[in-house]
């Protein structure tokens, strides 16, 4: 058995998240089932992050232990022959040390959130949150800087979150405007359930003028989820990269 690392790209709108479910199509299920078809033995695929239903990825990382007699490149090509039509692509595939773990070896995850900030579009892809009301990207960036560092993120934590602690450390949260788009880049070792989307829903309220910077800081320090903004929709969120110390 050899350990293989995969970098994955997928269209989240075509999957019910990462984790295998009984009846709904998921990324883990699609990849595991296709691997079993080739290697003829049970396979468990481990991902760096369990993306939610509708969330996309261009740099998801996964690993699996396989008994495969051919080259990693041949496996990549064979998988893509079947998976790309399902909205999943293997960007790279190679052998790694048996100590590597896609989730536990990771030192950071980097997400991007995109907002299309204009009146109703007739033609646009589904990988953005459409917000018609004008937003102040500079005010959103200033609010985002108040979350960089180590904080108790209870105000931005979903009620179903199973994390043992609400304390997380963000190393980056930048918000910029590029024409009609507002793009946020968020980087941290790990995140709470729905943390990125709740943070985006709240800083969107700052950009819309519904929250002042002081009110935003009070929400952060108050640790009360009911005071924060709505959870932003999943379609604007993409897992861009997972970092490792080697």
C-alpha atoms as a PDB file:
ATOM      1  CA  UNK A   1       0.000   0.000   0.000  1.00  0.00           C
ATOM      2  CA  UNK A   2       1.258   3.470  -0.859  1.00  0.00           C
ATOM      3  CA  UNK A   3      -0.075   6.822   0.301  1.00  0.00           C
ATOM      4  CA  UNK A   4      -1.239   9.201  -2.421  1.00  0.00           C
ATOM      5  CA  UNK A   5      -1.898  12.909  -2.116  1.00  0.00           C
ATOM      6  CA  UNK A   6      -4.520  14.555  -4.317  1.00  0.00           C
ATOM      7  CA  UNK A   7      -5.174  18.221  -4.995  1.00  0.00           C
ATOM      8  CA  UNK A   8      -8.812  18.614  -5.948  1.00  0.00           C
ATOM      9  CA  UNK A   9     -10.924  21.188  -7.726  1.00  0.00           C
ATOM     10  CA  UNK A  10     -14.695  20.968  -7.618  1.00  0.00           C
ATOM     11  CA  UNK A  11     -17.912  22.821  -8.298  1.00  0.00           C
ATOM     12  CA  UNK A  12     -19.662  22.843  -4.936  1.00  0.00           C
ATOM     13  CA  UNK A  13     -23.069  23.463  -6.493  1.00  0.00           C
ATOM     14  CA  UNK A  14     -23.018  19.869  -7.728  1.00  0.00           C
ATOM     15  CA  UNK A  15     -22.281  18.255  -4.368  1.00  0.00           C
ATOM     16  CA  UNK A  16     -23.851  18.073  -0.926  1.00  0.00           C
ATOM     17  CA  UNK A  17     -20.555  18.969   0.685  1.00  0.00           C
ATOM     18  CA  UNK A  18     -17.399  16.952   1.242  1.00  0.00           C
ATOM     19  CA  UNK A  19     -18.427  14.217   3.665  1.00  0.00           C
ATOM     20  CA  UNK A  20     -20.029  11.012   2.413  1.00  0.00           C
ATOM     21  CA  UNK A  21     -23.792  10.800   2.925  1.00  0.00           C
ATOM     22  CA  UNK A  22     -26.207   7.942   2.560  1.00  0.00           C
ATOM     23  CA  UNK A  23     -28.265   9.250  -0.367  1.00  0.00           C
ATOM     24  CA  UNK A  24     -26.782  12.529  -1.629  1.00  0.00           C
ATOM     25  CA  UNK A  25     -23.733  12.963  -3.908  1.00  0.00           C
ATOM     26  CA  UNK A  26     -20.643  14.264  -2.102  1.00  0.00           C
ATOM     27  CA  UNK A  27     -17.010  14.865  -3.058  1.00  0.00           C
ATOM     28  CA  UNK A  28     -15.706  12.128  -0.756  1.00  0.00           C
ATOM     29  CA  UNK A  29     -18.203   9.608  -2.106  1.00  0.00           C
ATOM     30  CA  UNK A  30     -17.432  10.418  -5.752  1.00  0.00           C
ATOM     31  CA  UNK A  31     -13.679  10.072  -5.301  1.00  0.00           C
ATOM     32  CA  UNK A  32     -13.795   6.992  -3.053  1.00  0.00           C
ATOM     33  CA  UNK A  33     -16.163   5.123  -5.350  1.00  0.00           C
ATOM     34  CA  UNK A  34     -14.038   5.856  -8.403  1.00  0.00           C
ATOM     35  CA  UNK A  35     -10.830   4.822  -6.634  1.00  0.00           C
ATOM     36  CA  UNK A  36     -12.411   1.523  -5.558  1.00  0.00           C
ATOM     37  CA  UNK A  37     -13.288   0.881  -9.208  1.00  0.00           C
ATOM     38  CA  UNK A  38      -9.585   1.105 -10.136  1.00  0.00           C
ATOM     39  CA  UNK A  39      -7.797  -0.453  -7.160  1.00  0.00           C
ATOM     40  CA  UNK A  40     -10.355  -3.170  -6.313  1.00  0.00           C
ATOM     41  CA  UNK A  41     -10.096  -2.758  -2.532  1.00  0.00           C
ATOM     42  CA  UNK A  42     -11.859  -0.583   0.083  1.00  0.00           C
ATOM     43  CA  UNK A  43     -10.669   3.034   0.130  1.00  0.00           C
ATOM     44  CA  UNK A  44     -11.040   5.828   2.658  1.00  0.00           C
ATOM     45  CA  UNK A  45     -10.193   9.307   1.399  1.00  0.00           C
ATOM     46  CA  UNK A  46      -9.192  11.907   4.004  1.00  0.00           C
ATOM     47  CA  UNK A  47      -9.702  15.587   3.178  1.00  0.00           C
ATOM     48  CA  UNK A  48      -8.018  18.675   4.597  1.00  0.00           C
ATOM     49  CA  UNK A  49     -11.374  20.357   5.159  1.00  0.00           C
ATOM     50  CA  UNK A  50     -15.014  19.308   5.176  1.00  0.00           C
ATOM     51  CA  UNK A  51     -16.506  21.905   2.858  1.00  0.00           C
ATOM     52  CA  UNK A  52     -20.250  22.476   3.184  1.00  0.00           C
ATOM     53  CA  UNK A  53     -22.930  21.974   0.569  1.00  0.00           C
ATOM     54  CA  UNK A  54     -22.424  24.494  -2.228  1.00  0.00           C
ATOM     55  CA  UNK A  55     -18.871  25.500  -1.264  1.00  0.00           C
ATOM     56  CA  UNK A  56     -16.286  25.219  -4.045  1.00  0.00           C
ATOM     57  CA  UNK A  57     -12.607  24.300  -4.048  1.00  0.00           C
ATOM     58  CA  UNK A  58      -9.611  24.888  -6.282  1.00  0.00           C
ATOM     59  CA  UNK A  59      -7.024  23.650  -3.789  1.00  0.00           C
ATOM     60  CA  UNK A  60      -8.619  21.012  -1.567  1.00  0.00           C
ATOM     61  CA  UNK A  61      -6.077  18.394  -0.451  1.00  0.00           C
ATOM     62  CA  UNK A  62      -6.834  14.739   0.260  1.00  0.00           C
ATOM     63  CA  UNK A  63      -4.969  11.494   0.755  1.00  0.00           C
ATOM     64  CA  UNK A  64      -5.657   7.767   0.545  1.00  0.00           C
ATOM     65  CA  UNK A  65      -3.715   4.530   0.931  1.00  0.00           C
ATOM     66  CA  UNK A  66      -3.852   2.526  -2.291  1.00  0.00           C
ATOM     67  CA  UNK A  67      -2.514  -0.624  -3.862  1.00  0.00           C
ATOM     68  CA  UNK A  68      -2.143   0.724  -7.401  1.00  0.00           C
ATOM     69  CA  UNK A  69       0.402  -0.790  -9.812  1.00  0.00           C
ATOM     70  CA  UNK A  70       0.746   2.118 -12.225  1.00  0.00           C
ATOM     71  CA  UNK A  71       2.080   5.694 -12.061  1.00  0.00           C
ATOM     72  CA  UNK A  72       0.307   8.495 -10.149  1.00  0.00           C
ATOM     73  CA  UNK A  73      -0.090  10.349 -13.439  1.00  0.00           C
ATOM     74  CA  UNK A  74      -1.940   7.410 -14.973  1.00  0.00           C
ATOM     75  CA  UNK A  75      -4.226   7.319 -11.933  1.00  0.00           C
ATOM     76  CA  UNK A  76      -4.877  11.061 -12.259  1.00  0.00           C
ATOM     77  CA  UNK A  77      -5.809  10.760 -15.931  1.00  0.00           C
ATOM     78  CA  UNK A  78      -8.014   7.736 -15.305  1.00  0.00           C
ATOM     79  CA  UNK A  79      -9.870   9.432 -12.448  1.00  0.00           C
ATOM     80  CA  UNK A  80     -10.421  12.632 -14.400  1.00  0.00           C
ATOM     81  CA  UNK A  81     -11.884  10.679 -17.306  1.00  0.00           C
ATOM     82  CA  UNK A  82     -14.846   9.848 -15.079  1.00  0.00           C
ATOM     83  CA  UNK A  83     -14.905  12.633 -12.474  1.00  0.00           C
ATOM     84  CA  UNK A  84     -14.701  15.859 -14.483  1.00  0.00           C
ATOM     85  CA  UNK A  85     -18.186  15.271 -15.894  1.00  0.00           C
ATOM     86  CA  UNK A  86     -19.405  15.209 -12.284  1.00  0.00           C
ATOM     87  CA  UNK A  87     -17.817  18.574 -11.446  1.00  0.00           C
ATOM     88  CA  UNK A  88     -14.663  17.173  -9.786  1.00  0.00           C
ATOM     89  CA  UNK A  89     -11.102  17.336 -11.131  1.00  0.00           C
ATOM     90  CA  UNK A  90      -7.810  15.894  -9.857  1.00  0.00           C
ATOM     91  CA  UNK A  91      -5.363  18.793 -10.285  1.00  0.00           C
ATOM     92  CA  UNK A  92      -2.403  16.710  -9.106  1.00  0.00           C
ATOM     93  CA  UNK A  93      -1.675  13.233  -7.788  1.00  0.00           C
ATOM     94  CA  UNK A  94       1.566  11.915  -6.325  1.00  0.00           C
ATOM     95  CA  UNK A  95       2.975   9.536  -3.724  1.00  0.00           C
ATOM     96  CA  UNK A  96       3.794  10.932  -0.272  1.00  0.00           C
ATOM     97  CA  UNK A  97       5.340   9.682   2.943  1.00  0.00           C
ATOM     98  CA  UNK A  98       3.096   7.499   5.090  1.00  0.00           C
ATOM     99  CA  UNK A  99       3.296  10.107   7.874  1.00  0.00           C
ATOM    100  CA  UNK A 100       1.515  12.697   5.735  1.00  0.00           C
ATOM    101  CA  UNK A 101      -2.095  13.413   6.672  1.00  0.00           C
ATOM    102  CA  UNK A 102      -4.195  15.802   4.577  1.00  0.00           C
ATOM    103  CA  UNK A 103      -6.015  17.176   7.623  1.00  0.00           C
ATOM    104  CA  UNK A 104      -3.657  16.851  10.576  1.00  0.00           C
ATOM    105  CA  UNK A 105      -0.450  17.810   8.745  1.00  0.00           C
ATOM    106  CA  UNK A 106      -1.970  21.066   7.456  1.00  0.00           C
ATOM    107  CA  UNK A 107      -0.762  24.337   9.002  1.00  0.00           C
ATOM    108  CA  UNK A 108      -3.268  26.662   7.317  1.00  0.00           C
ATOM    109  CA  UNK A 109      -6.340  26.840   5.106  1.00  0.00           C
ATOM    110  CA  UNK A 110      -6.923  29.764   2.773  1.00  0.00           C
ATOM    111  CA  UNK A 111     -10.425  30.658   1.577  1.00  0.00           C
ATOM    112  CA  UNK A 112     -11.683  33.255  -0.847  1.00  0.00           C
ATOM    113  CA  UNK A 113     -15.149  34.787  -0.752  1.00  0.00           C
ATOM    114  CA  UNK A 114     -16.487  36.713  -3.752  1.00  0.00           C
ATOM    115  CA  UNK A 115     -19.360  39.186  -3.829  1.00  0.00           C
ATOM    116  CA  UNK A 116     -20.777  40.517  -7.089  1.00  0.00           C
ATOM    117  CA  UNK A 117     -21.779  44.047  -6.119  1.00  0.00           C
ATOM    118  CA  UNK A 118     -24.058  45.416  -8.850  1.00  0.00           C
ATOM    119  CA  UNK A 119     -27.676  45.423  -9.989  1.00  0.00           C
ATOM    120  CA  UNK A 120     -29.185  42.099 -11.016  1.00  0.00           C
ATOM    121  CA  UNK A 121     -26.903  40.355 -13.533  1.00  0.00           C
ATOM    122  CA  UNK A 122     -28.386  38.549 -16.519  1.00  0.00           C
ATOM    123  CA  UNK A 123     -25.247  36.540 -17.219  1.00  0.00           C
ATOM    124  CA  UNK A 124     -22.854  35.522 -14.439  1.00  0.00           C
ATOM    125  CA  UNK A 125     -21.426  32.381 -12.925  1.00  0.00           C
ATOM    126  CA  UNK A 126     -22.874  30.916  -9.744  1.00  0.00           C
ATOM    127  CA  UNK A 127     -19.676  31.259  -7.717  1.00  0.00           C
ATOM    128  CA  UNK A 128     -20.487  34.636  -6.175  1.00  0.00           C
ATOM    129  CA  UNK A 129     -22.881  36.166  -3.683  1.00  0.00           C
ATOM    130  CA  UNK A 130     -24.907  38.747  -5.571  1.00  0.00           C
ATOM    131  CA  UNK A 131     -25.489  41.910  -3.525  1.00  0.00           C
ATOM    132  CA  UNK A 132     -27.216  44.720  -5.418  1.00  0.00           C
ATOM    133  CA  UNK A 133     -26.874  47.462  -2.780  1.00  0.00           C
ATOM    134  CA  UNK A 134     -23.564  49.360  -3.067  1.00  0.00           C
ATOM    135  CA  UNK A 135     -20.986  48.206  -0.528  1.00  0.00           C
ATOM    136  CA  UNK A 136     -18.020  50.086   0.908  1.00  0.00           C
ATOM    137  CA  UNK A 137     -15.126  47.632   0.450  1.00  0.00           C
ATOM    138  CA  UNK A 138     -12.736  49.837   2.433  1.00  0.00           C
ATOM    139  CA  UNK A 139     -15.071  49.788   5.448  1.00  0.00           C
ATOM    140  CA  UNK A 140     -15.386  46.022   5.087  1.00  0.00           C
ATOM    141  CA  UNK A 141     -11.598  45.662   5.034  1.00  0.00           C
ATOM    142  CA  UNK A 142     -11.254  47.823   8.136  1.00  0.00           C
ATOM    143  CA  UNK A 143     -13.782  45.632   9.937  1.00  0.00           C
ATOM    144  CA  UNK A 144     -12.018  42.498   8.761  1.00  0.00           C
ATOM    145  CA  UNK A 145      -8.761  43.707  10.326  1.00  0.00           C
ATOM    146  CA  UNK A 146     -10.485  43.620  13.708  1.00  0.00           C
ATOM    147  CA  UNK A 147     -10.656  39.824  13.359  1.00  0.00           C
ATOM    148  CA  UNK A 148      -6.986  39.250  12.485  1.00  0.00           C
ATOM    149  CA  UNK A 149      -5.271  37.677  15.469  1.00  0.00           C
ATOM    150  CA  UNK A 150      -6.405  35.312  18.203  1.00  0.00           C
ATOM    151  CA  UNK A 151      -9.966  35.773  19.461  1.00  0.00           C
ATOM    152  CA  UNK A 152     -12.949  33.973  20.865  1.00  0.00           C
ATOM    153  CA  UNK A 153     -15.077  33.701  17.707  1.00  0.00           C
ATOM    154  CA  UNK A 154     -18.280  32.582  19.435  1.00  0.00           C
ATOM    155  CA  UNK A 155     -20.187  35.397  17.707  1.00  0.00           C
ATOM    156  CA  UNK A 156     -19.232  33.867  14.348  1.00  0.00           C
ATOM    157  CA  UNK A 157     -19.844  30.237  15.261  1.00  0.00           C
ATOM    158  CA  UNK A 158     -22.742  28.093  14.028  1.00  0.00           C
ATOM    159  CA  UNK A 159     -24.891  26.542  16.752  1.00  0.00           C
ATOM    160  CA  UNK A 160     -24.079  23.057  15.394  1.00  0.00           C
ATOM    161  CA  UNK A 161     -20.315  23.577  15.576  1.00  0.00           C
ATOM    162  CA  UNK A 162     -18.572  20.671  17.299  1.00  0.00           C
ATOM    163  CA  UNK A 163     -15.199  22.350  17.836  1.00  0.00           C
ATOM    164  CA  UNK A 164     -13.919  22.012  21.409  1.00  0.00           C
ATOM    165  CA  UNK A 165     -12.935  25.679  21.586  1.00  0.00           C
ATOM    166  CA  UNK A 166     -14.243  28.875  19.932  1.00  0.00           C
ATOM    167  CA  UNK A 167     -10.754  30.404  20.051  1.00  0.00           C
ATOM    168  CA  UNK A 168      -9.137  30.625  16.617  1.00  0.00           C
ATOM    169  CA  UNK A 169      -6.282  32.594  15.072  1.00  0.00           C
ATOM    170  CA  UNK A 170      -6.691  34.411  11.765  1.00  0.00           C
ATOM    171  CA  UNK A 171      -3.452  35.414  10.060  1.00  0.00           C
ATOM    172  CA  UNK A 172      -5.117  37.183   7.122  1.00  0.00           C
ATOM    173  CA  UNK A 173      -8.482  38.730   6.337  1.00  0.00           C
ATOM    174  CA  UNK A 174      -8.163  41.122   3.395  1.00  0.00           C
ATOM    175  CA  UNK A 175     -11.051  42.661   1.475  1.00  0.00           C
ATOM    176  CA  UNK A 176     -10.510  44.416  -1.848  1.00  0.00           C
ATOM    177  CA  UNK A 177     -12.687  45.685  -4.674  1.00  0.00           C
ATOM    178  CA  UNK A 178     -11.939  44.628  -8.234  1.00  0.00           C
ATOM    179  CA  UNK A 179     -14.448  46.372 -10.448  1.00  0.00           C
ATOM    180  CA  UNK A 180     -17.895  44.980  -9.679  1.00  0.00           C
ATOM    181  CA  UNK A 181     -16.487  42.293  -7.410  1.00  0.00           C
ATOM    182  CA  UNK A 182     -15.517  42.438  -3.741  1.00  0.00           C
ATOM    183  CA  UNK A 183     -13.017  39.708  -2.913  1.00  0.00           C
ATOM    184  CA  UNK A 184     -12.121  38.575   0.601  1.00  0.00           C
ATOM    185  CA  UNK A 185      -9.116  36.372   1.380  1.00  0.00           C
ATOM    186  CA  UNK A 186      -9.152  34.643   4.761  1.00  0.00           C
ATOM    187  CA  UNK A 187      -6.327  32.490   6.134  1.00  0.00           C
ATOM    188  CA  UNK A 188      -6.074  30.526   9.394  1.00  0.00           C
ATOM    189  CA  UNK A 189      -4.872  27.158  10.677  1.00  0.00           C
ATOM    190  CA  UNK A 190      -8.502  26.089  11.125  1.00  0.00           C
ATOM    191  CA  UNK A 191     -12.014  27.509  11.284  1.00  0.00           C
ATOM    192  CA  UNK A 192     -15.214  26.987  13.224  1.00  0.00           C
ATOM    193  CA  UNK A 193     -18.295  25.645  11.467  1.00  0.00           C
ATOM    194  CA  UNK A 194     -19.654  28.374   9.148  1.00  0.00           C
ATOM    195  CA  UNK A 195     -17.157  30.877  10.630  1.00  0.00           C
ATOM    196  CA  UNK A 196     -16.076  32.346   7.297  1.00  0.00           C
ATOM    197  CA  UNK A 197     -19.634  32.723   6.032  1.00  0.00           C
ATOM    198  CA  UNK A 198     -20.878  34.328   9.266  1.00  0.00           C
ATOM    199  CA  UNK A 199     -17.929  36.743   9.281  1.00  0.00           C
ATOM    200  CA  UNK A 200     -18.694  37.643   5.660  1.00  0.00           C
ATOM    201  CA  UNK A 201     -22.373  38.187   6.415  1.00  0.00           C
ATOM    202  CA  UNK A 202     -21.406  40.528   9.240  1.00  0.00           C
ATOM    203  CA  UNK A 203     -18.784  42.590   7.411  1.00  0.00           C
ATOM    204  CA  UNK A 204     -21.232  42.874   4.511  1.00  0.00           C
ATOM    205  CA  UNK A 205     -23.523  44.681   6.976  1.00  0.00           C
ATOM    206  CA  UNK A 206     -20.639  47.060   7.723  1.00  0.00           C
ATOM    207  CA  UNK A 207     -20.134  47.667   4.004  1.00  0.00           C
ATOM    208  CA  UNK A 208     -23.835  48.375   3.583  1.00  0.00           C
ATOM    209  CA  UNK A 209     -23.812  50.923   6.433  1.00  0.00           C
ATOM    210  CA  UNK A 210     -26.028  48.821   8.698  1.00  0.00           C
ATOM    211  CA  UNK A 211     -23.239  48.381  11.274  1.00  0.00           C
ATOM    212  CA  UNK A 212     -20.578  50.821  12.434  1.00  0.00           C
ATOM    213  CA  UNK A 213     -17.017  49.708  13.126  1.00  0.00           C
ATOM    214  CA  UNK A 214     -17.574  50.138  16.861  1.00  0.00           C
ATOM    215  CA  UNK A 215     -20.722  48.028  16.695  1.00  0.00           C
ATOM    216  CA  UNK A 216     -18.803  45.369  14.783  1.00  0.00           C
ATOM    217  CA  UNK A 217     -16.085  45.270  17.449  1.00  0.00           C
ATOM    218  CA  UNK A 218     -18.769  45.006  20.134  1.00  0.00           C
ATOM    219  CA  UNK A 219     -20.208  41.979  18.325  1.00  0.00           C
ATOM    220  CA  UNK A 220     -16.766  40.364  18.267  1.00  0.00           C
ATOM    221  CA  UNK A 221     -16.215  41.002  21.962  1.00  0.00           C
ATOM    222  CA  UNK A 222     -19.790  40.151  22.972  1.00  0.00           C
ATOM    223  CA  UNK A 223     -19.426  36.542  21.728  1.00  0.00           C
ATOM    224  CA  UNK A 224     -23.146  36.333  20.979  1.00  0.00           C
ATOM    225  CA  UNK A 225     -24.061  34.717  17.653  1.00  0.00           C
ATOM    226  CA  UNK A 226     -27.504  36.339  17.653  1.00  0.00           C
ATOM    227  CA  UNK A 227     -25.877  39.788  17.405  1.00  0.00           C
ATOM    228  CA  UNK A 228     -23.768  38.978  14.333  1.00  0.00           C
ATOM    229  CA  UNK A 229     -24.953  39.121  10.747  1.00  0.00           C
ATOM    230  CA  UNK A 230     -26.655  36.479   8.634  1.00  0.00           C
ATOM    231  CA  UNK A 231     -24.678  33.525   7.358  1.00  0.00           C
ATOM    232  CA  UNK A 232     -23.504  34.420   3.849  1.00  0.00           C
ATOM    233  CA  UNK A 233     -24.562  31.937   1.139  1.00  0.00           C
ATOM    234  CA  UNK A 234     -22.157  29.105   0.273  1.00  0.00           C
ATOM    235  CA  UNK A 235     -21.841  29.814  -3.434  1.00  0.00           C
ATOM    236  CA  UNK A 236     -19.426  32.723  -2.894  1.00  0.00           C
ATOM    237  CA  UNK A 237     -16.941  30.608  -0.910  1.00  0.00           C
ATOM    238  CA  UNK A 238     -13.975  28.694  -2.344  1.00  0.00           C
ATOM    239  CA  UNK A 239     -11.236  26.734  -0.578  1.00  0.00           C
ATOM    240  CA  UNK A 240      -8.188  28.051  -2.424  1.00  0.00           C
ATOM    241  CA  UNK A 241      -5.195  26.434  -0.752  1.00  0.00           C
ATOM    242  CA  UNK A 242      -4.077  24.213   2.093  1.00  0.00           C
ATOM    243  CA  UNK A 243      -0.559  24.801   3.426  1.00  0.00           C
ATOM    244  CA  UNK A 244       1.896  22.271   4.829  1.00  0.00           C
ATOM    245  CA  UNK A 245       5.251  22.674   6.583  1.00  0.00           C
ATOM    246  CA  UNK A 246       7.131  20.786   3.857  1.00  0.00           C
END
